[in-house]
Protein backbone atom coordinates (compact mmCIF):
# COMPACT_ATOMS: atom_id res chain seq x y z
CA MET A 1 193.04 31.46 -150.31
CA LYS A 2 196.41 32.17 -148.67
CA SER A 3 198.20 35.48 -148.84
CA LYS A 4 201.97 35.88 -149.03
CA ALA A 5 202.02 36.77 -145.32
CA MET A 6 200.68 33.34 -144.48
CA ALA A 7 202.80 31.40 -146.96
CA CYS A 8 204.98 29.88 -144.22
CA PHE A 9 201.97 28.88 -142.15
CA THR A 10 199.58 25.99 -142.53
CA PRO A 11 196.04 26.05 -141.15
CA SER A 12 197.15 23.79 -138.28
CA ASP A 13 199.55 26.54 -137.17
CA VAL A 14 196.58 28.65 -136.02
CA LEU A 15 194.68 27.58 -132.92
CA LEU A 16 191.32 29.20 -132.15
CA LEU A 17 190.45 29.64 -128.46
CA PRO A 18 186.75 30.48 -128.21
CA GLY A 19 185.29 31.95 -125.07
CA TRP A 20 182.48 30.89 -122.77
CA GLN A 21 179.69 29.02 -124.61
CA ASN A 22 181.91 28.57 -127.69
CA SER A 23 181.68 30.61 -130.89
CA ASP A 24 178.46 30.11 -132.85
CA ALA A 25 178.35 29.47 -136.60
CA ASP A 26 178.17 33.19 -137.47
CA HIS A 27 181.04 34.22 -135.17
CA TRP A 28 184.20 35.36 -136.97
CA GLN A 29 186.17 32.52 -135.31
CA SER A 30 183.82 29.95 -136.83
CA ARG A 31 183.95 31.72 -140.18
CA TRP A 32 187.76 31.70 -140.08
CA GLU A 33 187.72 28.01 -139.19
CA GLN A 34 185.55 27.29 -142.25
CA ARG A 35 187.28 29.72 -144.61
CA TYR A 36 190.93 29.09 -143.71
CA GLY A 37 190.86 25.65 -142.06
CA TYR A 38 192.16 26.81 -138.67
CA GLN A 39 191.85 24.45 -135.72
CA ARG A 40 189.48 25.09 -132.82
CA LEU A 41 190.44 23.96 -129.34
CA GLU A 42 187.40 21.99 -128.22
CA GLN A 43 186.57 22.13 -124.53
CA HIS A 44 184.75 19.44 -122.55
CA ASP A 45 182.17 21.85 -121.14
CA TRP A 46 181.42 25.14 -122.88
CA GLN A 47 178.57 26.04 -120.52
CA ARG A 48 180.36 25.61 -117.18
CA PRO A 49 184.00 26.39 -117.91
CA LEU A 50 186.55 25.40 -115.31
CA ARG A 51 189.88 27.20 -115.59
CA GLY A 52 191.88 24.09 -114.70
CA ASP A 53 190.07 21.91 -117.23
CA TRP A 54 190.34 24.48 -120.02
CA SER A 55 194.02 25.03 -119.26
CA ALA A 56 194.68 21.27 -119.27
CA ARG A 57 193.01 20.96 -122.71
CA LEU A 58 195.26 23.71 -124.07
CA GLN A 59 198.31 22.07 -122.53
CA GLU A 60 197.38 18.66 -123.99
CA HIS A 61 196.91 20.13 -127.44
CA LEU A 62 200.23 21.97 -127.41
CA VAL A 63 202.19 19.03 -126.04
CA ASP A 64 201.13 17.13 -129.16
CA ALA A 65 201.44 20.02 -131.63
CA PRO A 66 204.06 19.31 -134.31
CA ALA A 67 205.09 22.98 -134.47
CA PRO A 68 204.55 26.20 -132.52
CA VAL A 69 201.14 27.79 -133.06
CA VAL A 70 199.60 31.22 -133.21
CA LEU A 71 196.74 31.54 -130.74
CA VAL A 72 193.58 33.39 -131.77
CA ALA A 73 191.59 33.92 -128.58
CA HIS A 74 188.23 35.55 -127.97
CA SER A 75 186.76 36.69 -124.65
CA LEU A 76 187.35 34.02 -121.99
CA GLY A 77 189.84 32.45 -124.40
CA CYS A 78 192.08 35.50 -123.79
CA ILE A 79 191.90 34.99 -120.03
CA LEU A 80 192.71 31.30 -120.60
CA ALA A 81 195.75 32.17 -122.74
CA ALA A 82 197.14 34.52 -120.08
CA TRP A 83 196.55 32.02 -117.25
CA TRP A 84 198.03 29.11 -119.18
CA ALA A 85 201.07 31.13 -120.33
CA ALA A 86 201.86 32.11 -116.74
CA HIS A 87 201.89 28.45 -115.66
CA SER A 88 203.24 26.39 -118.56
CA PRO A 89 206.85 26.21 -119.76
CA LEU A 90 205.41 25.30 -123.19
CA ALA A 91 204.32 28.92 -123.59
CA ARG A 92 207.92 29.84 -124.49
CA THR A 93 208.38 27.10 -127.07
CA GLN A 94 204.97 26.15 -128.48
CA VAL A 95 203.38 29.57 -129.09
CA ARG A 96 204.76 31.93 -131.72
CA ALA A 97 202.28 34.76 -131.11
CA ALA A 98 198.69 35.50 -130.07
CA LEU A 99 195.80 37.61 -131.30
CA LEU A 100 193.71 38.37 -128.22
CA VAL A 101 190.25 39.73 -129.02
CA ALA A 102 187.77 41.30 -126.59
CA PRO A 103 188.98 39.81 -123.32
CA GLY A 104 186.18 39.34 -120.82
CA ASP A 105 186.82 41.01 -117.48
CA VAL A 106 186.06 38.09 -115.17
CA GLU A 107 186.71 40.33 -112.18
CA GLN A 108 183.51 42.30 -112.90
CA PRO A 109 180.97 41.25 -110.24
CA ASP A 110 178.43 39.95 -112.79
CA LEU A 111 180.98 37.84 -114.66
CA ARG A 112 182.72 36.70 -111.50
CA ALA A 113 179.40 35.22 -110.33
CA LEU A 114 178.79 33.50 -113.69
CA LEU A 115 182.36 32.23 -114.08
CA PRO A 116 183.60 31.23 -110.64
CA GLY A 117 187.25 30.28 -110.41
CA TRP A 118 188.45 32.50 -113.28
CA SER A 119 189.35 35.46 -111.09
CA PRO A 120 191.81 37.05 -110.61
CA VAL A 121 193.02 37.73 -114.14
CA VAL A 122 196.73 37.00 -114.53
CA LEU A 123 198.49 40.31 -115.16
CA GLN A 124 201.90 38.99 -116.18
CA ALA A 125 203.83 39.59 -119.41
CA LEU A 126 203.22 36.92 -122.02
CA PRO A 127 206.36 35.11 -123.22
CA PHE A 128 205.33 35.58 -126.87
CA PRO A 129 204.34 38.57 -129.02
CA SER A 130 200.68 39.50 -128.92
CA VAL A 131 198.11 41.95 -130.16
CA LEU A 132 195.03 42.76 -128.07
CA VAL A 133 191.96 44.14 -129.85
CA SER A 134 189.10 45.69 -127.90
CA GLY A 135 185.91 47.56 -128.67
CA SER A 136 185.20 50.93 -127.13
CA ASN A 137 181.73 49.80 -126.05
CA ASP A 138 182.33 46.19 -124.97
CA PRO A 139 179.76 45.31 -122.28
CA TYR A 140 182.05 42.63 -120.84
CA CYS A 141 185.23 44.70 -120.51
CA ALA A 142 185.66 48.45 -120.28
CA GLN A 143 188.19 49.77 -122.75
CA ALA A 144 190.41 51.13 -119.97
CA ARG A 145 190.50 47.65 -118.45
CA ALA A 146 191.35 46.09 -121.83
CA ARG A 147 194.22 48.55 -122.15
CA GLN A 148 195.37 47.52 -118.67
CA PHE A 149 195.39 43.88 -119.81
CA ALA A 150 197.36 44.83 -122.94
CA GLN A 151 199.94 46.72 -120.92
CA ALA A 152 200.33 43.94 -118.33
CA TRP A 153 200.55 41.22 -120.98
CA GLY A 154 203.00 43.22 -123.12
CA SER A 155 200.52 43.25 -125.98
CA GLN A 156 200.17 45.81 -128.72
CA TRP A 157 196.72 47.35 -128.22
CA VAL A 158 194.33 47.99 -131.11
CA ASP A 159 191.14 50.03 -130.70
CA ALA A 160 188.36 48.40 -132.74
CA GLY A 161 186.03 51.35 -132.15
CA PRO A 162 182.37 50.77 -131.29
CA ALA A 163 182.44 47.03 -132.10
CA GLY A 164 180.88 45.77 -128.88
CA HIS A 165 182.25 42.41 -127.76
CA ILE A 166 183.58 41.73 -131.27
CA ASN A 167 181.28 38.74 -131.64
CA THR A 168 178.31 37.70 -133.77
CA ALA A 169 176.15 40.48 -132.29
CA SER A 170 178.72 42.99 -133.58
CA GLY A 171 177.76 42.11 -137.16
CA LEU A 172 181.35 41.78 -138.38
CA GLY A 173 180.82 38.80 -140.67
CA ASP A 174 184.23 37.38 -141.60
CA TRP A 175 185.92 40.31 -139.80
CA ASP A 176 188.50 40.88 -142.51
CA ALA A 177 190.14 43.70 -140.52
CA GLY A 178 190.83 41.23 -137.72
CA HIS A 179 192.23 38.69 -140.15
CA ALA A 180 194.56 41.36 -141.54
CA LEU A 181 195.87 41.87 -137.99
CA LEU A 182 196.43 38.10 -137.70
CA GLU A 183 198.26 38.01 -141.03
CA GLN A 184 200.53 40.85 -139.95
CA LEU A 185 201.20 39.17 -136.62
CA MET A 186 202.12 35.93 -138.40
CA LYS A 187 204.29 37.76 -140.91
CA ASP A 188 206.19 39.50 -138.09
CA ASN A 189 206.65 36.33 -136.01
């Protein structure tokens, strides 16, 4: 069911960028994929993500995209979007906007050890409008750090409250509040 805000968008205009280990069936990204028909960027290796490989997959997809997309990134997908945007000229022409949800702070010692090669996080303004949503109690990124990402990336910051990592464990179901943010972002861009 499409709202007026999404009338000028087709499901292929929204590209889901899951984080490390992909989004399981109960994750809001998977629910949105099923409910709205959005596309998921499939990676070759969800368990051992390599920044170069993931970035190349995003580049390949957008080279072939018939129209600019809206990125919907979660966790490591946010870090991917920032890295890719800093290195690809397509970021200015093939991305209309991005919803960045619960970025993982890959510079934390625990995550840096688990995800080698993803640090440092690119702290450069994105060449497209974006909204960054973070939980006040995210175990993978302190809220102050998420706000730092938002400021560096030029993103509007939204406080999701005590929503953890805004994933399946957060118990958000379809996360309608998040989808409302996406609809507004698409309406504005």
